[in-house]
Amino acid sequence: MVKTGGFLTLTLILILVLISGCNPYQRTLHHSGNNDISIQIIKEFEANYPFTGHKAIDWVSFETDLHKQLNYASYNDSAYLNIRELFFKLPDARINIISGKDQKLMKETTGGYCGFEVSRDESDQCIIIKVDSMSDAWSRGLRPGNKILGWNGTPVQEVLQNKCLIWGYHPADKEFRHILQDYYLTRGPVGSSVELFYETETGNNRGLRLDFVPKEIIFRPQHIGIPTGIPDKNFKIINERTGIWTISAFSPSSLYEFKNEILPKLSQCQNLIIDLRENQGGNDAIAADLAGYFISEERLYEETLVRLADTNTWNKLGHIHAEPKELIYEKSIIILIGPLCSGAGEGFARVIADEENIQTLGLWSTYGSFSYPGGEIKIPGYFSIHYPIGMSLDENEVILIESPGDYGGGIYPDIRIPVSSDLLIALSAGYDLLLDEAIMHLGR
């Protein structure tokens, strides 16, 4: 999430940083005798990270686990993968760990595919939701709807619960973590294999072994309800009465496009769908400005609080308000949201969904990431860690949107669609059922 616009104090700080070439939240760490690297890393987090209490992070236990992998004499691939796993367990999507070996290791560990995808439905059963028709899995009889029971001799629910995440999206809460654990179950090293036990359509149990074959790595699970491909237009009118506005990010171009192209067309719509399912965030001031066209009263978008580097002092950098415009769209609106709606997309949805004519709709909550970036820890020749240094608060000084690491983070949909096995299969086949649901609700 880019924090820009309206933050004079922060702008001055950034200008000074650029001029001096010194970021007070950037550290380069070196192994030096008794000053262990893991201890240095944790000291940086304890000094500057804003969500220790909110996310209930035990840095002492984390440092103990990190220390086991950070032996300076053994900076190897295996240790690095274990370190990535540790950081991915932290319930903060804005904590990222990066090294020059990432592409190579990612291909080595997840470049293979066994021909099908799974997901857990509302009853926690592991269902095959998609099978590649050209794969060995298809030719040997696996079909969407089959239930996976065992995985390499272990109950599949136990395997999924313990599935390590080290690549792609860093989940902020358990809900998205479970989705990603399901998705990565059927990825592995090329040349390895899995012995699985499943229930057929007739209720019989059967076992078979499948090899992991090379396949392109795609981070986005299709069954989370995001259609593949980029829409041909950011705004269009469907079924002669409903407009759909897709916002991929809040930027100067999206603001210009709305004011000059989309706003004049809103009068033609009896209803409106705003699609934020793949919104990557962006400029908060622009998100607040656009929100003003859909609200009836002024609302606080956010107040940003940043801890001054290496101190216990917090500094309010400024605040953003969403102010209603003269032309307010008062017709029925459905906002499509999902696990990849993050940052300013979440802020925009939160502010306008308080209106009586606006509801959010989705399968799951949003990304749960509404923090202020800026922290970086570098370990030369090994990896770097990026982390947030500030938080966004509401008018009661309560942390906004940022997931506490359990269920309930982010923006929870007002209209939540039940996650049935049939729905998951249809979504994996490319059907945009969430859009259909939105149109149906608006037609009532």
Foldseek 3Di string as FASTA:
>chain_A
DDEDDFQVLVVVVVVVCVVVVDFLQEAEDDDDPPCAPLNVVLLSCVQFPDCCPLQVDDSVVLSVQLSVLPDVVDLDPVSQQSVLLSQLLRLAQQKDKDDPCVVVVCCQFFQFFQFWFWAQFPVRWIWTQGGHCPHPCVVVPDDGGKTWQDKQRHGVSVCLVPQTDRDATRFNAPVVSSVQSRGRPRTGGAFDKMWTWIAHPVRDIDIDMTGTHGDDDDRDQLLQQDFDDDDPDQWDDPPQAEIEGEAQEQDPVVLCCCVPPVVVCVVSHLEYEYELANHQYYYLQSLLAVLQQADDAKFWLWWKWFRDRRDNDIDTSGTHIRHHDPHHDPHAYEYEYGANRDESSLSSCVVRCVDPRYFYEGAAAYRQHHAAWRHKYHHPPRMMITGGRMFIAGPVRDTPQHDSHYGDGTGGGPHHDRRHSVSSSCSSVRDNVRVVVRVVVSVD
